[in-house]
């Protein structure tokens, strides 16, 4: 095999390995970000001393007034996978 071709293939493999490592790190950081956001939301709700039943009412009222559709993270993931 040509030396230049070997070098290119070797470099491609190294970059591919780095990309996989970085993708793993990215995914882990994204999970951590979501966990911290969830903890912050929980803290705000507990700080406001809103019951689960009242929270549902508040969110429902907000959605109906603002016209913001409610979609879960799973629904968003499914939409992204379709595209």
PDB file of N, CA and C in Angstrom:
ATOM      1  N   UNK A   1       0.848  -1.178   0.000  1.00  0.00           N
ATOM      2  CA  UNK A   1       0.000   0.000   0.000  1.00  0.00           C
ATOM      3  C   UNK A   1       0.891   1.238   0.000  1.00  0.00           C
ATOM      4  N   UNK A   2       0.475   2.242  -0.699  1.00  0.00           N
ATOM      5  CA  UNK A   2       1.188   3.500  -0.807  1.00  0.00           C
ATOM      6  C   UNK A   2       1.353   4.131   0.583  1.00  0.00           C
ATOM      7  N   UNK A   3       2.526   4.676   0.864  1.00  0.00           N
ATOM      8  CA  UNK A   3       2.821   5.275   2.166  1.00  0.00           C
ATOM      9  C   UNK A   3       1.899   6.456   2.463  1.00  0.00           C
ATOM     10  N   UNK A   4       1.614   7.257   1.451  1.00  0.00           N
ATOM     11  CA  UNK A   4       0.736   8.414   1.653  1.00  0.00           C
ATOM     12  C   UNK A   4      -0.683   7.967   1.975  1.00  0.00           C
ATOM     13  N   UNK A   5      -1.129   6.923   1.316  1.00  0.00           N
ATOM     14  CA  UNK A   5      -2.459   6.392   1.578  1.00  0.00           C
ATOM     15  C   UNK A   5      -2.533   5.842   3.000  1.00  0.00           C
ATOM     16  N   UNK A   6      -1.487   5.121   3.428  1.00  0.00           N
ATOM     17  CA  UNK A   6      -1.437   4.595   4.792  1.00  0.00           C
ATOM     18  C   UNK A   6      -1.529   5.729   5.803  1.00  0.00           C
ATOM     19  N   UNK A   7      -0.818   6.808   5.539  1.00  0.00           N
ATOM     20  CA  UNK A   7      -0.807   7.965   6.440  1.00  0.00           C
ATOM     21  C   UNK A   7      -2.206   8.580   6.524  1.00  0.00           C
ATOM     22  N   UNK A   8      -2.846   8.751   5.384  1.00  0.00           N
ATOM     23  CA  UNK A   8      -4.197   9.320   5.359  1.00  0.00           C
ATOM     24  C   UNK A   8      -5.166   8.419   6.118  1.00  0.00           C
ATOM     25  N   UNK A   9      -5.091   7.123   5.870  1.00  0.00           N
ATOM     26  CA  UNK A   9      -5.974   6.182   6.563  1.00  0.00           C
ATOM     27  C   UNK A   9      -5.720   6.189   8.067  1.00  0.00           C
ATOM     28  N   UNK A  10      -4.460   6.266   8.445  1.00  0.00           N
ATOM     29  CA  UNK A  10      -4.094   6.325   9.856  1.00  0.00           C
ATOM     30  C   UNK A  10      -4.649   7.593  10.507  1.00  0.00           C
ATOM     31  N   UNK A  11      -4.493   8.721   9.830  1.00  0.00           N
ATOM     32  CA  UNK A  11      -5.010   9.984  10.357  1.00  0.00           C
ATOM     33  C   UNK A  11      -6.531   9.952  10.476  1.00  0.00           C
ATOM     34  N   UNK A  12      -7.173   9.359   9.485  1.00  0.00           N
ATOM     35  CA  UNK A  12      -8.631   9.246   9.522  1.00  0.00           C
ATOM     36  C   UNK A  12      -9.080   8.417  10.724  1.00  0.00           C
ATOM     37  N   UNK A  13      -8.377   7.333  10.988  1.00  0.00           N
ATOM     38  CA  UNK A  13      -8.716   6.466  12.120  1.00  0.00           C
ATOM     39  C   UNK A  13      -8.542   7.218  13.438  1.00  0.00           C
ATOM     40  N   UNK A  14      -7.454   7.971  13.560  1.00  0.00           N
ATOM     41  CA  UNK A  14      -7.209   8.742  14.783  1.00  0.00           C
ATOM     42  C   UNK A  14      -8.321   9.760  15.002  1.00  0.00           C
ATOM     43  N   UNK A  15      -8.701  10.440  13.944  1.00  0.00           N
ATOM     44  CA  UNK A  15      -9.759  11.441  14.051  1.00  0.00           C
ATOM     45  C   UNK A  15     -11.088  10.786  14.405  1.00  0.00           C
ATOM     46  N   UNK A  16     -11.354   9.638  13.790  1.00  0.00           N
ATOM     47  CA  UNK A  16     -12.586   8.913  14.090  1.00  0.00           C
ATOM     48  C   UNK A  16     -12.629   8.518  15.567  1.00  0.00           C
ATOM     49  N   UNK A  17     -11.505   8.037  16.097  1.00  0.00           N
ATOM     50  CA  UNK A  17     -11.433   7.666  17.509  1.00  0.00           C
ATOM     51  C   UNK A  17     -11.672   8.875  18.409  1.00  0.00           C
ATOM     52  N   UNK A  18     -11.087  10.006  18.050  1.00  0.00           N
ATOM     53  CA  UNK A  18     -11.275  11.230  18.836  1.00  0.00           C
ATOM     54  C   UNK A  18     -12.734  11.669  18.798  1.00  0.00           C
ATOM     55  N   UNK A  19     -13.347  11.548  17.631  1.00  0.00           N
ATOM     56  CA  UNK A  19     -14.751  11.932  17.493  1.00  0.00           C
ATOM     57  C   UNK A  19     -15.640  11.075  18.387  1.00  0.00           C
ATOM     58  N   UNK A  20     -15.369   9.791  18.441  1.00  0.00           N
ATOM     59  CA  UNK A  20     -16.153   8.896  19.294  1.00  0.00           C
ATOM     60  C   UNK A  20     -15.982   9.273  20.760  1.00  0.00           C
ATOM     61  N   UNK A  21     -14.747   9.585  21.148  1.00  0.00           N
ATOM     62  CA  UNK A  21     -14.475   9.994  22.523  1.00  0.00           C
ATOM     63  C   UNK A  21     -15.213  11.289  22.842  1.00  0.00           C
ATOM     64  N   UNK A  22     -15.118  12.256  21.954  1.00  0.00           N
ATOM     65  CA  UNK A  22     -15.781  13.533  22.174  1.00  0.00           C
ATOM     66  C   UNK A  22     -17.297  13.388  22.180  1.00  0.00           C
ATOM     67  N   UNK A  23     -17.833  12.520  21.351  1.00  0.00           N
ATOM     68  CA  UNK A  23     -19.277  12.291  21.337  1.00  0.00           C
ATOM     69  C   UNK A  23     -19.726  11.713  22.674  1.00  0.00           C
ATOM     70  N   UNK A  24     -18.933  10.794  23.219  1.00  0.00           N
ATOM     71  CA  UNK A  24     -19.249  10.233  24.529  1.00  0.00           C
ATOM     72  C   UNK A  24     -19.218  11.296  25.610  1.00  0.00           C
ATOM     73  N   UNK A  25     -18.207  12.148  25.570  1.00  0.00           N
ATOM     74  CA  UNK A  25     -18.115  13.242  26.542  1.00  0.00           C
ATOM     75  C   UNK A  25     -19.288  14.196  26.381  1.00  0.00           C
ATOM     76  N   UNK A  26     -19.633  14.515  25.125  1.00  0.00           N
ATOM     77  CA  UNK A  26     -20.755  15.409  24.845  1.00  0.00           C
ATOM     78  C   UNK A  26     -22.047  14.845  25.433  1.00  0.00           C
ATOM     79  N   UNK A  27     -22.284  13.564  25.207  1.00  0.00           N
ATOM     80  CA  UNK A  27     -23.498  12.924  25.718  1.00  0.00           C
ATOM     81  C   UNK A  27     -23.543  12.973  27.239  1.00  0.00           C
ATOM     82  N   UNK A  28     -22.411  12.706  27.881  1.00  0.00           N
ATOM     83  CA  UNK A  28     -22.354  12.737  29.343  1.00  0.00           C
ATOM     84  C   UNK A  28     -22.619  14.147  29.864  1.00  0.00           C
ATOM     85  N   UNK A  29     -22.010  15.139  29.252  1.00  0.00           N
ATOM     86  CA  UNK A  29     -22.242  16.522  29.671  1.00  0.00           C
ATOM     87  C   UNK A  29     -23.693  16.931  29.444  1.00  0.00           C
ATOM     88  N   UNK A  30     -24.279  16.466  28.378  1.00  0.00           N
ATOM     89  CA  UNK A  30     -25.680  16.771  28.103  1.00  0.00           C
ATOM     90  C   UNK A  30     -26.585  16.158  29.172  1.00  0.00           C
ATOM     91  N   UNK A  31     -26.273  14.946  29.605  1.00  0.00           N
ATOM     92  CA  UNK A  31     -27.036  14.309  30.681  1.00  0.00           C
ATOM     93  C   UNK A  31     -26.903  15.109  31.967  1.00  0.00           C
ATOM     94  N   UNK A  32     -25.674  15.528  32.283  1.00  0.00           N
ATOM     95  CA  UNK A  32     -25.439  16.315  33.491  1.00  0.00           C
ATOM     96  C   UNK A  32     -26.199  17.635  33.441  1.00  0.00           C
ATOM     97  N   UNK A  33     -26.194  18.279  32.287  1.00  0.00           N
ATOM     98  CA  UNK A  33     -26.912  19.546  32.119  1.00  0.00           C
ATOM     99  C   UNK A  33     -28.393  19.346  32.402  1.00  0.00           C
ATOM    100  N   UNK A  34     -28.963  18.287  31.849  1.00  0.00           N
ATOM    101  CA  UNK A  34     -30.379  17.996  32.057  1.00  0.00           C
ATOM    102  C   UNK A  34     -30.665  17.734  33.530  1.00  0.00           C
ATOM    103  N   UNK A  35     -29.780  16.988  34.193  1.00  0.00           N
ATOM    104  CA  UNK A  35     -29.960  16.706  35.618  1.00  0.00           C
ATOM    105  C   UNK A  35     -29.944  17.994  36.430  1.00  0.00           C
ATOM    106  N   UNK A  36     -29.001  18.890  36.133  1.00  0.00           N
ATOM    107  CA  UNK A  36     -28.917  20.151  36.862  1.00  0.00           C
ATOM    108  C   UNK A  36     -30.139  21.036  36.590  1.00  0.00           C
ATOM    109  N   UNK A  37     -30.606  21.043  35.349  1.00  0.00           N
ATOM    110  CA  UNK A  37     -31.813  21.806  35.022  1.00  0.00           C
ATOM    111  C   UNK A  37     -33.012  21.248  35.778  1.00  0.00           C
ATOM    112  N   UNK A  38     -33.124  19.931  35.818  1.00  0.00           N
ATOM    113  CA  UNK A  38     -34.237  19.302  36.533  1.00  0.00           C
ATOM    114  C   UNK A  38     -34.183  19.611  38.024  1.00  0.00           C
ATOM    115  N   UNK A  39     -32.981  19.562  38.598  1.00  0.00           N
ATOM    116  CA  UNK A  39     -32.836  19.885  40.017  1.00  0.00           C
ATOM    117  C   UNK A  39     -33.224  21.334  40.292  1.00  0.00           C
ATOM    118  N   UNK A  40     -32.859  22.222  39.386  1.00  0.00           N
ATOM    119  CA  UNK A  40     -33.213  23.630  39.543  1.00  0.00           C
ATOM    120  C   UNK A  40     -34.728  23.819  39.485  1.00  0.00           C
ATOM    121  N   UNK A  41     -35.367  23.147  38.547  1.00  0.00           N
ATOM    122  CA  UNK A  41     -36.827  23.232  38.422  1.00  0.00           C
ATOM    123  C   UNK A  41     -37.497  22.687  39.676  1.00  0.00           C
ATOM    124  N   UNK A  42     -37.030  21.548  40.150  1.00  0.00           N
ATOM    125  CA  UNK A  42     -37.597  20.947  41.361  1.00  0.00           C
ATOM    126  C   UNK A  42     -37.429  21.887  42.545  1.00  0.00           C
ATOM    127  N   UNK A  43     -36.244  22.497  42.646  1.00  0.00           N
ATOM    128  CA  UNK A  43     -36.000  23.447  43.731  1.00  0.00           C
ATOM    129  C   UNK A  43     -36.947  24.635  43.675  1.00  0.00           C
ATOM    130  N   UNK A  44     -37.189  25.149  42.484  1.00  0.00           N
ATOM    131  CA  UNK A  44     -38.110  26.280  42.331  1.00  0.00           C
ATOM    132  C   UNK A  44     -39.528  25.896  42.737  1.00  0.00           C
ATOM    133  N   UNK A  45     -39.944  24.717  42.326  1.00  0.00           N
ATOM    134  CA  UNK A  45     -41.301  24.264  42.646  1.00  0.00           C
ATOM    135  C   UNK A  45     -41.439  24.030  44.142  1.00  0.00           C
ATOM    136  N   UNK A  46     -40.463  23.376  44.733  1.00  0.00           N
ATOM    137  CA  UNK A  46     -40.524  23.132  46.177  1.00  0.00           C
ATOM    138  C   UNK A  46     -40.452  24.440  46.953  1.00  0.00           C
ATOM    139  N   UNK A  47     -39.639  25.366  46.457  1.00  0.00           N
ATOM    140  CA  UNK A  47     -39.531  26.670  47.109  1.00  0.00           C
ATOM    141  C   UNK A  47     -40.839  27.435  47.071  1.00  0.00           C
ATOM    142  N   UNK A  48     -41.605  27.239  46.025  1.00  0.00           N
ATOM    143  CA  UNK A  48     -42.906  27.894  45.897  1.00  0.00           C
ATOM    144  C   UNK A  48     -43.979  27.141  46.675  1.00  0.00           C
ATOM    145  N   UNK A  49     -43.637  25.969  47.165  1.00  0.00           N
ATOM    146  CA  UNK A  49     -44.550  25.127  47.943  1.00  0.00           C
ATOM    147  C   UNK A  49     -45.851  24.855  47.187  1.00  0.00           C
ATOM    148  N   UNK A  50     -45.676  24.448  45.931  1.00  0.00           N
ATOM    149  CA  UNK A  50     -46.822  24.108  45.095  1.00  0.00           C
ATOM    150  C   UNK A  50     -47.011  22.593  45.128  1.00  0.00           C
ATOM    151  N   UNK A  51     -48.245  22.177  45.379  1.00  0.00           N
ATOM    152  CA  UNK A  51     -48.522  20.740  45.385  1.00  0.00           C
ATOM    153  C   UNK A  51     -48.515  20.216  43.955  1.00  0.00           C
ATOM    154  N   UNK A  52     -48.406  18.919  43.832  1.00  0.00           N
ATOM    155  CA  UNK A  52     -48.409  18.292  42.510  1.00  0.00           C
ATOM    156  C   UNK A  52     -49.700  18.616  41.766  1.00  0.00           C
ATOM    157  N   UNK A  53     -50.806  18.554  42.477  1.00  0.00           N
ATOM    158  CA  UNK A  53     -52.103  18.848  41.862  1.00  0.00           C
ATOM    159  C   UNK A  53     -52.157  20.302  41.384  1.00  0.00           C
ATOM    160  N   UNK A  54     -51.700  21.225  42.221  1.00  0.00           N
ATOM    161  CA  UNK A  54     -51.710  22.638  41.839  1.00  0.00           C
ATOM    162  C   UNK A  54     -50.727  22.912  40.713  1.00  0.00           C
ATOM    163  N   UNK A  55     -49.615  22.222  40.704  1.00  0.00           N
ATOM    164  CA  UNK A  55     -48.629  22.409  39.641  1.00  0.00           C
ATOM    165  C   UNK A  55     -49.231  22.030  38.291  1.00  0.00           C
ATOM    166  N   UNK A  56     -49.959  20.940  38.271  1.00  0.00           N
ATOM    167  CA  UNK A  56     -50.627  20.524  37.036  1.00  0.00           C
ATOM    168  C   UNK A  56     -51.591  21.608  36.569  1.00  0.00           C
ATOM    169  N   UNK A  57     -52.343  22.179  37.505  1.00  0.00           N
ATOM    170  CA  UNK A  57     -53.285  23.247  37.158  1.00  0.00           C
ATOM    171  C   UNK A  57     -52.557  24.477  36.628  1.00  0.00           C
ATOM    172  N   UNK A  58     -51.455  24.847  37.262  1.00  0.00           N
ATOM    173  CA  UNK A  58     -50.680  26.016  36.840  1.00  0.00           C
ATOM    174  C   UNK A  58     -50.135  25.812  35.428  1.00  0.00           C
ATOM    175  N   UNK A  59     -49.571  24.650  35.172  1.00  0.00           N
ATOM    176  CA  UNK A  59     -48.993  24.374  33.849  1.00  0.00           C
ATOM    177  C   UNK A  59     -50.090  24.341  32.786  1.00  0.00           C
ATOM    178  N   UNK A  60     -51.204  23.713  33.106  1.00  0.00           N
ATOM    179  CA  UNK A  60     -52.318  23.653  32.158  1.00  0.00           C
ATOM    180  C   UNK A  60     -52.833  25.055  31.843  1.00  0.00           C
ATOM    181  N   UNK A  61     -52.976  25.886  32.869  1.00  0.00           N
ATOM    182  CA  UNK A  61     -53.448  27.255  32.657  1.00  0.00           C
ATOM    183  C   UNK A  61     -52.445  28.041  31.826  1.00  0.00           C
ATOM    184  N   UNK A  62     -51.180  27.871  32.104  1.00  0.00           N
ATOM    185  CA  UNK A  62     -50.145  28.577  31.338  1.00  0.00           C
ATOM    186  C   UNK A  62     -50.198  28.180  29.868  1.00  0.00           C
ATOM    187  N   UNK A  63     -50.309  26.890  29.626  1.00  0.00           N
ATOM    188  CA  UNK A  63     -50.351  26.402  28.236  1.00  0.00           C
ATOM    189  C   UNK A  63     -51.562  26.946  27.501  1.00  0.00           C
ATOM    190  N   UNK A  64     -52.706  26.966  28.163  1.00  0.00           N
ATOM    191  CA  UNK A  64     -53.917  27.428  27.481  1.00  0.00           C
ATOM    192  C   UNK A  64     -53.861  28.928  27.202  1.00  0.00           C
ATOM    193  N   UNK A  65     -53.245  29.702  28.091  1.00  0.00           N
ATOM    194  CA  UNK A  65     -53.151  31.150  27.888  1.00  0.00           C
ATOM    195  C   UNK A  65     -52.088  31.512  26.865  1.00  0.00           C
ATOM    196  N   UNK A  66     -50.964  30.819  26.914  1.00  0.00           N
ATOM    197  CA  UNK A  66     -49.845  31.190  26.045  1.00  0.00           C
ATOM    198  C   UNK A  66     -49.917  30.522  24.681  1.00  0.00           C
ATOM    199  N   UNK A  67     -50.703  29.471  24.587  1.00  0.00           N
ATOM    200  CA  UNK A  67     -50.786  28.745  23.321  1.00  0.00           C
ATOM    201  C   UNK A  67     -49.569  27.882  23.056  1.00  0.00           C
ATOM    202  N   UNK A  68     -48.732  27.708  24.072  1.00  0.00           N
ATOM    203  CA  UNK A  68     -47.534  26.890  23.922  1.00  0.00           C
ATOM    204  C   UNK A  68     -47.931  25.427  24.019  1.00  0.00           C
ATOM    205  N   UNK A  69     -47.667  24.660  22.976  1.00  0.00           N
ATOM    206  CA  UNK A  69     -48.005  23.239  23.042  1.00  0.00           C
ATOM    207  C   UNK A  69     -47.076  22.526  24.018  1.00  0.00           C
ATOM    208  N   UNK A  70     -47.603  21.550  24.683  1.00  0.00           N
ATOM    209  CA  UNK A  70     -46.798  20.775  25.617  1.00  0.00           C
ATOM    210  C   UNK A  70     -46.303  19.529  24.914  1.00  0.00           C
ATOM    211  N   UNK A  71     -45.002  19.326  24.962  1.00  0.00           N
ATOM    212  CA  UNK A  71     -44.449  18.087  24.416  1.00  0.00           C
ATOM    213  C   UNK A  71     -43.359  17.601  25.349  1.00  0.00           C
ATOM    214  N   UNK A  72     -43.322  16.320  25.531  1.00  0.00           N
ATOM    215  CA  UNK A  72     -42.327  15.732  26.408  1.00  0.00           C
ATOM    216  C   UNK A  72     -41.003  15.604  25.679  1.00  0.00           C
ATOM    217  N   UNK A  73     -39.962  15.330  26.448  1.00  0.00           N
ATOM    218  CA  UNK A  73     -38.630  15.137  25.861  1.00  0.00           C
ATOM    219  C   UNK A  73     -38.649  13.965  24.889  1.00  0.00           C
ATOM    220  N   UNK A  74     -39.397  12.927  25.211  1.00  0.00           N
ATOM    221  CA  UNK A  74     -39.483  11.759  24.334  1.00  0.00           C
ATOM    222  C   UNK A  74     -40.124  12.135  22.999  1.00  0.00           C
ATOM    223  N   UNK A  75     -41.162  12.965  23.049  1.00  0.00           N
ATOM    224  CA  UNK A  75     -41.804  13.396  21.812  1.00  0.00           C
ATOM    225  C   UNK A  75     -40.838  14.211  20.966  1.00  0.00           C
ATOM    226  N   UNK A  76     -40.044  15.078  21.609  1.00  0.00           N
ATOM    227  CA  UNK A  76     -39.057  15.877  20.886  1.00  0.00           C
ATOM    228  C   UNK A  76     -38.015  14.971  20.236  1.00  0.00           C
ATOM    229  N   UNK A  77     -37.565  13.950  20.968  1.00  0.00           N
ATOM    230  CA  UNK A  77     -36.573  13.024  20.423  1.00  0.00           C
ATOM    231  C   UNK A  77     -37.137  12.293  19.207  1.00  0.00           C
ATOM    232  N   UNK A  78     -38.403  11.883  19.298  1.00  0.00           N
ATOM    233  CA  UNK A  78     -39.016  11.164  18.185  1.00  0.00           C
ATOM    234  C   UNK A  78     -39.115  12.068  16.955  1.00  0.00           C
ATOM    235  N   UNK A  79     -39.462  13.343  17.161  1.00  0.00           N
ATOM    236  CA  UNK A  79     -39.534  14.285  16.045  1.00  0.00           C
ATOM    237  C   UNK A  79     -38.167  14.452  15.404  1.00  0.00           C
ATOM    238  N   UNK A  80     -37.135  14.576  16.244  1.00  0.00           N
ATOM    239  CA  UNK A  80     -35.780  14.751  15.729  1.00  0.00           C
ATOM    240  C   UNK A  80     -35.313  13.529  14.950  1.00  0.00           C
ATOM    241  N   UNK A  81     -35.686  12.340  15.408  1.00  0.00           N
ATOM    242  CA  UNK A  81     -35.281  11.114  14.726  1.00  0.00           C
ATOM    243  C   UNK A  81     -35.967  10.992  13.370  1.00  0.00           C
ATOM    244  N   UNK A  82     -37.202  11.496  13.266  1.00  0.00           N
ATOM    245  CA  UNK A  82     -37.931  11.433  12.003  1.00  0.00           C
ATOM    246  C   UNK A  82     -37.282  12.324  10.954  1.00  0.00           C
ATOM    247  N   UNK A  83     -36.699  13.436  11.399  1.00  0.00           N
ATOM    248  CA  UNK A  83     -36.078  14.384  10.461  1.00  0.00           C
ATOM    249  C   UNK A  83     -34.722  13.950  10.160  1.00  0.00           C
TER     250      UNK A  83
END
